[in-house]
Amino acid sequence: MIIVMRRDATEMQIQAVIDKLVSQEFDIHRSTGAERTILGAVGAQTVNPGDFEKLEGVKEVLQITRGDRQT
């Protein structure tokens, strides 16, 4: 899952999203650019993207789907 934060998101808002992701056992990869912060969340959990879209400072949530698993 990729979470794009708003340009005006505060550090507290970003940290709140990170904390929620960590509490759901995601590994977080943060990328802070000149205008936006993007959070990549990696994990086997399935979540409702709407749970994150409603958080303060979030611009959009992109769900990444897994390819077919080979056994």
N, C-alpha and C. Protein backbone atom coordinates (compact mmCIF):
# COMPACT_ATOMS: atom_id res chain seq x y z
N MET A 1 0.86 -1.16 0.00
CA MET A 1 0.00 0.00 0.00
C MET A 1 0.91 1.22 0.00
N ILE A 2 0.49 2.23 -0.73
CA ILE A 2 1.22 3.50 -0.77
C ILE A 2 0.28 4.59 -0.27
N ILE A 3 0.78 5.38 0.67
CA ILE A 3 0.00 6.48 1.21
C ILE A 3 0.71 7.77 0.86
N VAL A 4 0.01 8.62 0.13
CA VAL A 4 0.55 9.92 -0.25
C VAL A 4 -0.02 10.96 0.70
N MET A 5 0.88 11.65 1.36
CA MET A 5 0.46 12.67 2.32
C MET A 5 0.24 14.00 1.59
N ARG A 6 -0.61 14.84 2.15
CA ARG A 6 -0.86 16.17 1.59
C ARG A 6 0.40 17.03 1.73
N ARG A 7 0.52 18.03 0.89
CA ARG A 7 1.68 18.93 0.96
C ARG A 7 1.78 19.61 2.31
N ASP A 8 0.63 19.92 2.91
CA ASP A 8 0.62 20.66 4.17
C ASP A 8 0.53 19.74 5.39
N ALA A 9 0.75 18.44 5.19
CA ALA A 9 0.69 17.50 6.32
C ALA A 9 1.79 17.83 7.32
N THR A 10 1.42 17.85 8.57
CA THR A 10 2.40 18.13 9.62
C THR A 10 3.15 16.85 9.98
N GLU A 11 4.26 17.02 10.67
CA GLU A 11 5.03 15.86 11.12
C GLU A 11 4.18 15.00 12.07
N MET A 12 3.35 15.63 12.87
CA MET A 12 2.48 14.88 13.78
C MET A 12 1.47 14.03 13.01
N GLN A 13 0.92 14.56 11.92
CA GLN A 13 -0.03 13.81 11.11
C GLN A 13 0.67 12.63 10.43
N ILE A 14 1.86 12.88 9.91
CA ILE A 14 2.63 11.81 9.26
C ILE A 14 2.94 10.71 10.28
N GLN A 15 3.37 11.11 11.46
CA GLN A 15 3.71 10.13 12.49
C GLN A 15 2.49 9.34 12.94
N ALA A 16 1.33 9.96 12.97
CA ALA A 16 0.10 9.26 13.35
C ALA A 16 -0.22 8.16 12.35
N VAL A 17 -0.01 8.43 11.06
CA VAL A 17 -0.25 7.42 10.03
C VAL A 17 0.77 6.29 10.18
N ILE A 18 2.04 6.65 10.40
CA ILE A 18 3.09 5.64 10.60
C ILE A 18 2.75 4.77 11.81
N ASP A 19 2.35 5.39 12.90
CA ASP A 19 2.01 4.64 14.11
C ASP A 19 0.87 3.65 13.86
N LYS A 20 -0.14 4.08 13.11
CA LYS A 20 -1.27 3.19 12.80
C LYS A 20 -0.80 2.01 11.95
N LEU A 21 0.08 2.27 10.99
CA LEU A 21 0.60 1.20 10.14
C LEU A 21 1.44 0.22 10.96
N VAL A 22 2.29 0.75 11.81
CA VAL A 22 3.14 -0.11 12.65
C VAL A 22 2.29 -0.95 13.59
N SER A 23 1.22 -0.37 14.13
CA SER A 23 0.35 -1.11 15.04
C SER A 23 -0.34 -2.28 14.33
N GLN A 24 -0.42 -2.18 13.00
CA GLN A 24 -1.01 -3.27 12.21
C GLN A 24 0.07 -4.15 11.58
N GLU A 25 1.29 -4.01 12.11
CA GLU A 25 2.43 -4.86 11.75
C GLU A 25 2.91 -4.68 10.31
N PHE A 26 2.80 -3.49 9.78
CA PHE A 26 3.39 -3.18 8.48
C PHE A 26 4.82 -2.70 8.67
N ASP A 27 5.67 -2.98 7.70
CA ASP A 27 6.99 -2.36 7.61
C ASP A 27 6.80 -1.09 6.80
N ILE A 28 7.38 0.00 7.27
CA ILE A 28 7.17 1.30 6.63
C ILE A 28 8.43 1.77 5.94
N HIS A 29 8.26 2.27 4.73
CA HIS A 29 9.34 2.89 3.97
C HIS A 29 8.89 4.32 3.68
N ARG A 30 9.59 5.28 4.30
CA ARG A 30 9.21 6.69 4.16
C ARG A 30 10.11 7.37 3.15
N SER A 31 9.48 8.13 2.29
CA SER A 31 10.21 8.95 1.32
C SER A 31 9.70 10.37 1.44
N THR A 32 10.58 11.27 1.86
CA THR A 32 10.21 12.67 2.02
C THR A 32 10.88 13.48 0.93
N GLY A 33 10.05 14.08 0.06
CA GLY A 33 10.56 14.89 -1.02
C GLY A 33 10.41 16.36 -0.70
N ALA A 34 10.66 17.18 -1.70
CA ALA A 34 10.57 18.63 -1.52
C ALA A 34 9.14 19.08 -1.25
N GLU A 35 8.16 18.36 -1.79
CA GLU A 35 6.77 18.79 -1.65
C GLU A 35 5.85 17.80 -0.95
N ARG A 36 6.22 16.53 -0.93
CA ARG A 36 5.33 15.52 -0.36
C ARG A 36 6.12 14.45 0.38
N THR A 37 5.39 13.78 1.26
CA THR A 37 5.91 12.58 1.91
C THR A 37 5.07 11.42 1.44
N ILE A 38 5.75 10.33 1.08
CA ILE A 38 5.08 9.12 0.63
C ILE A 38 5.48 8.00 1.58
N LEU A 39 4.49 7.25 2.02
CA LEU A 39 4.73 6.12 2.90
C LEU A 39 4.40 4.83 2.17
N GLY A 40 5.38 3.95 2.08
CA GLY A 40 5.16 2.63 1.52
C GLY A 40 4.97 1.66 2.67
N ALA A 41 3.89 0.91 2.66
CA ALA A 41 3.60 -0.04 3.73
C ALA A 41 3.65 -1.45 3.15
N VAL A 42 4.54 -2.27 3.71
CA VAL A 42 4.73 -3.63 3.22
C VAL A 42 4.33 -4.60 4.31
N GLY A 43 3.49 -5.54 3.95
CA GLY A 43 3.06 -6.56 4.91
C GLY A 43 2.03 -7.47 4.29
N ALA A 44 1.76 -8.54 4.97
CA ALA A 44 0.81 -9.54 4.46
C ALA A 44 -0.63 -9.23 4.86
N GLN A 45 -0.83 -8.19 5.64
CA GLN A 45 -2.15 -7.86 6.13
C GLN A 45 -3.02 -7.27 5.03
N THR A 46 -4.30 -7.50 5.17
CA THR A 46 -5.28 -6.88 4.30
C THR A 46 -6.02 -5.84 5.12
N VAL A 47 -6.04 -4.61 4.62
CA VAL A 47 -6.72 -3.54 5.33
C VAL A 47 -7.64 -2.80 4.37
N ASN A 48 -8.56 -2.07 4.94
CA ASN A 48 -9.44 -1.23 4.16
C ASN A 48 -8.73 0.11 3.92
N PRO A 49 -8.42 0.47 2.67
CA PRO A 49 -7.74 1.74 2.41
C PRO A 49 -8.50 2.93 2.97
N GLY A 50 -9.82 2.83 3.06
CA GLY A 50 -10.63 3.92 3.60
C GLY A 50 -10.29 4.25 5.04
N ASP A 51 -9.78 3.26 5.78
CA ASP A 51 -9.38 3.52 7.16
C ASP A 51 -8.22 4.50 7.22
N PHE A 52 -7.43 4.56 6.17
CA PHE A 52 -6.29 5.47 6.13
C PHE A 52 -6.62 6.76 5.39
N GLU A 53 -7.51 6.69 4.42
CA GLU A 53 -7.90 7.88 3.66
C GLU A 53 -8.53 8.94 4.55
N LYS A 54 -9.17 8.51 5.63
CA LYS A 54 -9.86 9.46 6.50
C LYS A 54 -8.94 10.11 7.53
N LEU A 55 -7.69 9.65 7.62
CA LEU A 55 -6.76 10.23 8.58
C LEU A 55 -6.31 11.62 8.13
N GLU A 56 -6.09 12.49 9.10
CA GLU A 56 -5.67 13.86 8.79
C GLU A 56 -4.33 13.85 8.06
N GLY A 57 -4.24 14.67 7.03
CA GLY A 57 -3.01 14.83 6.29
C GLY A 57 -2.83 13.89 5.11
N VAL A 58 -3.72 12.90 4.98
CA VAL A 58 -3.60 11.93 3.88
C VAL A 58 -4.27 12.48 2.64
N LYS A 59 -3.55 12.44 1.52
CA LYS A 59 -4.11 12.87 0.24
C LYS A 59 -4.78 11.70 -0.47
N GLU A 60 -4.05 10.57 -0.58
CA GLU A 60 -4.63 9.40 -1.23
C GLU A 60 -3.93 8.13 -0.79
N VAL A 61 -4.65 7.03 -0.96
CA VAL A 61 -4.12 5.71 -0.62
C VAL A 61 -4.22 4.84 -1.85
N LEU A 62 -3.11 4.21 -2.20
CA LEU A 62 -3.07 3.34 -3.37
C LEU A 62 -2.83 1.91 -2.90
N GLN A 63 -3.76 1.04 -3.22
CA GLN A 63 -3.63 -0.37 -2.85
C GLN A 63 -2.79 -1.06 -3.90
N ILE A 64 -1.80 -1.81 -3.47
CA ILE A 64 -0.96 -2.57 -4.38
C ILE A 64 -1.38 -4.03 -4.28
N THR A 65 -1.65 -4.64 -5.40
CA THR A 65 -2.09 -6.04 -5.37
C THR A 65 -0.90 -6.95 -5.58
N ARG A 66 -1.00 -8.11 -4.99
CA ARG A 66 0.04 -9.12 -5.14
C ARG A 66 -0.21 -9.92 -6.40
N GLY A 67 0.88 -10.35 -7.00
CA GLY A 67 0.77 -11.26 -8.14
C GLY A 67 0.47 -12.65 -7.66
N ASP A 68 0.30 -13.55 -8.58
CA ASP A 68 0.05 -14.94 -8.21
C ASP A 68 1.25 -15.50 -7.47
N ARG A 69 0.97 -16.24 -6.43
CA ARG A 69 2.03 -16.91 -5.67
C ARG A 69 2.33 -18.26 -6.31
N GLN A 70 3.59 -18.57 -6.33
CA GLN A 70 3.98 -19.88 -6.80
C GLN A 70 4.30 -20.75 -5.61
N THR A 71 3.85 -21.99 -5.65
CA THR A 71 4.10 -22.89 -4.53
C THR A 71 5.09 -23.95 -4.90
